[in-house]
Protein backbone atom coordinates (compact mmCIF):
# COMPACT_ATOMS: atom_id res chain seq x y z
CA MET A 1 -82.16 -6.78 12.61
CA LYS A 2 -81.29 -7.60 16.19
CA LYS A 3 -80.39 -11.16 15.13
CA ASN A 4 -78.02 -9.83 12.49
CA LEU A 5 -76.30 -7.50 14.96
CA PHE A 6 -75.93 -10.34 17.44
CA LEU A 7 -74.43 -12.58 14.73
CA ILE A 8 -71.89 -9.90 13.68
CA THR A 9 -70.87 -9.36 17.31
CA ILE A 10 -70.26 -13.09 17.81
CA ILE A 11 -68.10 -13.26 14.66
CA LEU A 12 -65.94 -10.24 15.71
CA LEU A 13 -65.38 -11.66 19.19
CA SER A 14 -64.29 -14.97 17.67
CA VAL A 15 -61.75 -13.29 15.36
CA LEU A 16 -60.33 -11.12 18.15
CA SER A 17 -60.01 -14.04 20.52
CA THR A 18 -58.25 -16.11 17.84
CA THR A 19 -55.75 -13.30 17.11
CA GLU A 20 -55.05 -12.83 20.78
CA ALA A 21 -54.56 -16.54 21.26
CA GLN A 22 -52.03 -16.64 18.43
CA GLY A 23 -50.09 -13.79 20.04
CA ILE A 24 -50.00 -15.50 23.41
CA PHE A 25 -49.26 -19.02 22.21
CA SER A 26 -46.87 -18.08 19.40
CA ARG A 27 -43.60 -19.92 18.80
CA ARG A 28 -41.50 -17.18 20.43
CA SER A 29 -40.56 -18.03 23.99
CA PRO A 30 -40.57 -15.44 26.80
CA THR A 31 -36.76 -15.38 26.61
CA GLN A 32 -36.87 -14.52 22.91
CA LYS A 33 -39.43 -11.81 23.53
CA ALA A 34 -37.23 -10.27 26.23
CA ALA A 35 -34.22 -10.41 23.92
CA ASP A 36 -36.14 -8.72 21.10
CA LYS A 37 -37.32 -6.01 23.47
CA ALA A 38 -33.80 -5.42 24.80
CA ARG A 39 -32.40 -5.30 21.28
CA LYS A 40 -34.87 -2.60 20.27
CA GLN A 41 -34.14 -0.54 23.37
CA THR A 42 -30.32 -0.82 23.17
CA PRO A 43 -28.60 2.20 21.52
CA LYS A 44 -26.51 1.36 18.47
CA ASN A 45 -23.38 2.79 20.05
CA ALA A 46 -23.73 0.92 23.33
CA PRO A 47 -20.52 -0.81 24.43
CA VAL A 48 -19.97 -4.53 24.32
CA PRO A 49 -20.23 -6.14 27.80
CA PHE A 50 -16.81 -6.58 29.47
CA ASN A 51 -15.18 -4.24 26.91
CA PRO A 52 -16.58 -0.70 27.03
CA GLU A 53 -14.14 0.46 24.32
CA ILE A 54 -15.80 -1.54 21.52
CA PRO A 55 -19.32 -0.57 20.31
CA LEU A 56 -21.94 -3.27 20.03
CA GLY A 57 -21.65 -5.14 16.73
CA SER A 58 -18.10 -3.96 16.06
CA ARG A 59 -14.89 -5.94 15.73
CA PRO A 60 -11.43 -4.58 16.53
CA ASP A 61 -9.29 -3.44 13.61
CA TYR A 62 -5.74 -4.68 14.02
CA GLY A 63 -4.36 -2.53 11.23
CA ARG A 64 -2.23 -3.48 8.27
CA ILE A 65 -1.59 -7.04 7.10
CA ASP A 66 0.40 -6.35 3.92
CA PHE A 67 3.82 -5.81 5.52
CA ILE A 68 5.59 -8.17 3.11
CA TRP A 69 5.08 -5.63 0.32
CA SER A 70 7.99 -3.25 0.90
CA SER A 71 8.42 0.14 -0.75
CA GLU A 72 10.75 -1.47 -3.29
CA THR A 73 8.01 -3.74 -4.64
CA ALA A 74 5.43 -2.68 -7.21
CA TYR A 75 2.64 -2.65 -4.62
CA THR A 76 1.36 0.77 -3.53
CA GLY A 77 -0.41 -0.20 -0.31
CA VAL A 78 -3.95 0.33 0.94
CA LYS A 79 -5.85 3.56 0.28
CA LYS A 80 -5.20 6.21 2.95
CA SER A 81 -2.46 4.15 4.54
CA GLY A 82 1.31 4.13 4.56
CA ASN A 83 4.39 3.99 6.76
CA ILE A 84 6.90 6.27 8.42
CA SER A 85 10.50 5.04 8.28
CA ILE A 86 13.86 6.35 9.40
CA THR A 87 16.27 5.16 6.70
CA THR A 88 13.92 3.79 4.00
CA PRO A 89 11.15 5.62 2.12
CA SER A 90 8.18 6.91 4.09
CA ARG A 91 5.09 6.55 1.92
CA TYR A 92 1.37 7.25 1.64
CA ASN A 93 -1.30 5.84 -0.68
CA ALA A 94 -3.57 8.63 -1.89
CA GLY A 95 -6.01 6.30 -3.68
CA GLN A 96 -6.32 5.05 -7.26
CA ASN A 97 -3.16 2.95 -6.62
CA ILE A 98 -1.03 6.09 -6.40
CA GLU A 99 1.70 6.29 -3.79
CA PHE A 100 3.78 9.25 -2.67
CA SER A 101 7.06 8.68 -0.81
CA THR A 102 10.05 10.64 0.41
CA MET A 103 13.42 10.33 2.16
CA LEU A 104 14.04 14.07 2.34
CA PRO A 105 14.86 14.43 6.05
CA LEU A 106 17.85 12.08 6.03
CA ASN A 107 19.71 11.78 2.74
CA TYR A 108 20.55 14.40 0.11
CA PHE A 109 21.95 11.83 -2.30
CA VAL A 110 18.86 9.73 -2.97
CA PRO A 111 15.47 10.52 -4.57
CA ASN A 112 13.55 12.79 -2.22
CA PHE A 113 10.12 13.03 -3.83
CA MET A 114 8.72 9.89 -5.47
CA LEU A 115 5.44 9.05 -7.19
CA LYS A 116 4.45 5.45 -7.94
CA LYS A 117 1.47 4.15 -9.88
CA SER A 118 0.64 0.44 -9.73
CA TYR A 119 -1.46 -1.93 -11.84
CA THR A 120 -2.68 -5.34 -10.68
CA THR A 121 -3.04 -8.19 -13.17
CA LYS A 122 -4.02 -11.82 -12.52
CA LYS A 123 -0.47 -12.84 -11.62
CA PHE A 124 1.65 -9.70 -11.33
CA VAL A 125 1.70 -6.27 -9.74
CA LEU A 126 3.26 -3.74 -12.12
CA ALA A 127 4.29 -0.16 -11.41
CA HIS A 128 6.16 2.82 -12.75
CA ARG A 129 7.88 5.17 -10.31
CA HIS A 130 9.20 8.66 -10.93
CA ALA A 131 11.42 10.74 -8.66
CA LEU A 132 13.01 14.17 -8.36
CA TYR A 133 16.03 14.99 -6.23
CA SER A 134 19.02 17.29 -5.97
CA ALA A 135 22.46 16.45 -4.61
CA THR A 136 23.50 20.12 -4.44
CA PRO A 137 22.92 20.52 -0.66
CA GLY A 138 24.80 17.26 -0.03
CA LEU A 139 27.69 18.29 -2.26
CA ASN A 140 27.96 21.63 -0.47
CA TRP A 141 28.02 19.79 2.86
CA ALA A 142 30.74 17.38 1.60
CA GLN A 143 32.80 20.28 0.26
CA LYS A 144 32.52 22.17 3.54
CA ASN A 145 33.73 19.11 5.46
CA GLU A 146 36.52 18.45 2.93
CA TYR A 147 35.37 15.06 1.66
CA GLU A 148 37.62 15.11 -1.41
CA ASN A 149 36.43 11.71 -2.63
CA LEU A 150 32.97 13.23 -3.17
CA VAL A 151 33.75 16.76 -4.36
CA ALA A 152 36.90 18.86 -4.66
CA THR A 153 37.06 21.97 -2.49
CA SER A 154 38.30 24.09 -5.43
CA VAL A 155 35.27 23.74 -7.74
CA VAL A 156 31.98 25.59 -7.69
CA VAL A 157 28.97 23.38 -6.95
CA PRO A 158 26.10 24.34 -9.28
CA PHE A 159 22.44 23.63 -8.69
CA ILE A 160 21.72 20.16 -10.08
CA LEU A 161 18.28 18.66 -10.60
CA SER A 162 18.16 14.90 -11.04
CA MET A 163 15.30 12.61 -11.95
CA ARG A 164 14.62 8.89 -12.02
CA ASN A 165 12.19 6.87 -14.10
CA GLU A 166 11.71 3.24 -13.07
CA PHE A 167 9.61 0.23 -14.07
CA ILE A 168 8.88 -2.43 -11.42
CA ALA A 169 7.25 -5.87 -11.61
CA SER A 170 6.39 -8.05 -8.59
CA TYR A 171 5.25 -11.66 -8.54
CA PRO A 172 3.60 -13.00 -5.33
CA ILE A 173 3.91 -16.68 -4.39
CA GLY A 174 1.86 -18.74 -1.93
CA ALA A 175 -1.04 -16.83 -0.36
CA ASP A 176 -1.96 -17.89 3.17
CA PRO A 177 -4.68 -20.59 2.87
CA ILE A 178 -5.71 -20.37 6.55
CA CYS A 179 -6.56 -16.69 6.88
CA SER A 180 -7.42 -16.27 3.19
CA ASN A 181 -6.21 -12.69 3.34
CA GLY A 182 -4.49 -12.84 -0.02
CA GLN A 183 -1.04 -12.10 1.43
CA PRO A 184 1.76 -14.22 -0.07
CA HIS A 185 4.64 -15.99 1.65
CA LEU A 186 7.11 -14.74 -0.96
CA VAL A 187 7.31 -11.76 -3.33
CA LEU A 188 9.78 -11.68 -6.23
CA THR A 189 10.52 -8.24 -7.69
CA GLY A 190 12.50 -6.99 -10.65
CA GLY A 191 13.16 -3.39 -11.64
CA ILE A 192 14.99 -1.26 -14.17
CA ALA A 193 15.64 2.47 -13.80
CA ILE A 194 17.50 5.32 -15.43
CA ASP A 195 18.75 8.35 -13.49
CA VAL A 196 19.87 11.55 -15.17
CA GLY A 197 21.10 14.87 -13.75
CA PHE A 198 20.86 18.38 -15.23
CA PRO A 199 23.19 21.20 -13.99
CA PHE A 200 21.77 24.72 -14.13
CA GLU A 201 25.20 26.36 -14.17
CA LYS A 202 28.69 25.67 -15.47
CA ASN A 203 29.75 22.31 -14.14
CA LYS A 204 33.34 21.21 -13.44
CA LEU A 205 32.51 18.39 -11.03
CA THR A 206 34.22 15.02 -11.51
CA PRO A 207 32.82 11.53 -10.80
CA MET A 208 32.84 10.53 -7.12
CA ASN A 209 35.51 8.09 -5.98
CA GLU A 210 33.51 6.49 -3.14
CA HIS A 211 31.38 3.39 -2.73
CA PHE A 212 27.60 3.90 -3.00
CA PHE A 213 28.12 7.47 -4.21
CA GLY A 214 30.38 6.56 -7.13
CA SER A 215 27.88 4.20 -8.76
CA ARG A 216 25.31 7.05 -8.75
CA SER A 217 27.62 9.96 -9.51
CA PRO A 218 26.63 10.61 -13.17
CA SER A 219 23.18 11.78 -12.08
CA LEU A 220 24.33 13.26 -8.75
CA ILE A 221 26.89 15.63 -10.31
CA GLY A 222 24.88 16.34 -13.45
CA LYS A 223 27.29 14.61 -15.83
CA GLY A 224 24.98 12.34 -17.79
CA ALA A 225 22.96 9.31 -16.74
CA HIS A 226 23.35 5.86 -15.22
CA LEU A 227 21.28 2.71 -15.64
CA SER A 228 20.43 0.33 -12.81
CA THR A 229 18.70 -3.03 -12.68
CA ARG A 230 17.73 -5.02 -9.61
CA LEU A 231 16.28 -8.26 -8.32
CA ARG A 232 14.60 -8.48 -4.91
CA VAL A 233 13.06 -11.13 -2.65
CA ASP A 234 10.71 -10.42 0.26
CA GLY A 235 9.77 -13.45 2.35
CA ARG A 236 7.64 -14.18 5.39
CA ILE A 237 9.20 -16.37 8.08
CA ASN A 238 6.21 -16.03 10.41
CA ASN A 239 3.62 -13.41 11.31
CA ASN A 240 6.16 -11.33 13.24
CA MET A 241 9.29 -11.79 11.13
CA LEU A 242 10.11 -10.99 7.49
CA ILE A 243 13.31 -11.29 5.48
CA GLU A 244 14.44 -9.17 2.53
CA GLY A 245 17.28 -9.39 0.07
CA ASP A 246 18.19 -7.64 -3.16
CA ILE A 247 21.02 -7.21 -5.63
CA LYS A 248 21.54 -4.15 -7.84
CA PHE A 249 23.70 -3.63 -10.92
CA PHE A 250 24.84 -0.16 -12.03
CA PHE A 251 26.05 0.86 -15.48
CA GLY A 252 27.45 4.27 -16.36
CA LYS A 253 30.52 6.50 -16.63
CA PHE A 254 31.97 6.03 -13.14
CA PHE A 255 35.35 7.02 -11.67
CA HIS A 256 37.23 3.96 -12.98
CA LYS A 257 35.05 1.23 -14.48
CA ASN A 258 31.57 1.42 -15.99
CA PHE A 259 30.08 -1.23 -13.73
CA ALA A 260 29.27 -1.54 -10.00
CA MET A 261 27.15 -3.85 -7.86
CA GLU A 262 25.36 -3.68 -4.50
CA GLN A 263 23.78 -6.38 -2.34
CA HIS A 264 21.48 -5.94 0.66
CA THR A 265 20.02 -8.38 3.19
CA GLY A 266 17.77 -7.50 6.12
CA LEU A 267 15.63 -9.10 8.82
CA GLN A 268 12.44 -7.27 9.79
CA ILE A 269 11.05 -7.97 13.27
CA PHE A 270 7.76 -6.57 14.53
CA LEU A 271 8.19 -5.15 18.01
CA VAL A 272 4.45 -4.47 18.27
CA ARG A 273 1.63 -5.05 15.82
CA ASN A 274 2.33 -2.10 13.47
CA THR A 275 5.93 -1.15 14.31
CA SER A 276 9.01 -3.03 13.12
CA LEU A 277 12.79 -2.98 13.45
CA THR A 278 14.92 -4.02 10.47
CA VAL A 279 18.60 -4.90 10.83
CA GLY A 280 20.97 -6.06 8.11
CA TYR A 281 23.83 -4.99 5.87
CA THR A 282 24.52 -3.48 2.45
CA ALA A 283 27.65 -4.34 0.49
CA SER A 284 29.14 -2.54 -2.52
CA TYR A 285 31.49 -3.91 -5.14
CA GLY A 286 33.17 -1.51 -7.56
CA HIS A 287 36.45 0.24 -8.33
CA PHE A 288 36.09 3.08 -5.83
CA GLY A 289 38.49 4.39 -3.18
CA ASN A 290 41.21 2.07 -1.89
CA ASN A 291 39.12 -1.14 -1.85
CA ASN A 292 36.90 -2.81 -4.41
CA PHE A 293 34.60 -4.12 -1.67
CA PHE A 294 32.86 -2.19 1.10
CA ILE A 295 30.16 -3.23 3.57
CA ILE A 296 28.12 -1.28 6.11
CA PRO A 297 25.49 -2.32 8.68
CA THR A 298 21.93 -1.06 8.17
CA ILE A 299 19.08 -0.42 10.59
CA ASP A 300 15.58 0.93 10.13
CA LEU A 301 12.55 1.59 12.34
CA THR A 302 9.15 1.63 10.61
CA HIS A 303 5.64 2.41 11.82
CA TYR A 304 2.69 1.41 9.62
CA PHE A 305 -0.61 3.25 9.72
CA GLY A 306 -3.96 2.86 7.97
CA THR A 307 -6.60 0.15 7.72
CA LYS A 308 -6.08 -3.48 6.86
CA LEU A 309 -7.05 -5.21 3.63
CA LYS A 310 -10.44 -6.90 3.50
CA ARG A 311 -9.79 -10.48 4.54
CA ASP A 312 -12.58 -11.90 2.38
CA VAL A 313 -11.20 -10.28 -0.76
CA GLY A 314 -7.43 -10.32 -0.58
CA LEU A 315 -4.88 -8.41 -2.60
CA PHE A 316 -6.24 -9.14 -6.06
CA GLY A 317 -9.95 -8.61 -5.25
CA LYS A 318 -12.28 -5.66 -5.76
CA GLY A 319 -12.10 -4.57 -2.14
CA ARG A 320 -8.50 -3.45 -2.36
């Protein structure tokens, strides 16, 4: 019995000594052991050395990267992101490729509340956009300031509700092969829309005899509808500079002729990473006022907010 106990004791000591030897002479070096120990003891929210603002394991988020897709393209932006602009639509993506936008604070004569729904195919981004607006406050303002080309001072301005229904198609060209973020160098966009106005009271308004207003007057004064078609190009010169250009054609019962045209060109420069300044011009051709041609300078300041697209997926991937 004593021999058996002695034999069992010898075997156990051999096993324990072997296990201990493996732990001591394992492949991990003392430096690796110290690193493992420090990793286990380091809180997950500990700051990165030399940059206390960034948690360990995190990378800075530099915000949006889809600036080339303007509000006039079919693209609706990234979920829970958007932009705030002075003279162009401010917009917000509420998810499910649904975008809300408005220009209410600045202009009574353009759509104030807009809803856009987009659909992404293999080659195109498609969208339909719907808008509600009323030119009544703007007409009252013009009448008070005696702008006879817009509205006569002798007529009663009724409440007018106007709406727009638009179909948009965008075609991206040349995604960046270096960053692989899915953002193109060029976006071609086409659109067709119909605007119609409904007066709620007796209406004796006449079509506006003024550039920009005259080509939209059927819906603004509640005297029928007008059709518009457009072609647009958005291009990327470099990471801090974009160019935009579009041409619009209007058809309807205007002051003189039933046709008008507008052309816009702009250069967008990013002052900082998510804020840009756009300068350019918009020209109108039509039989309004004393001249068939009229041109005005344009300027816009835009701030983008929200998270960037996933770089490993790009615009047409599942991570959008």
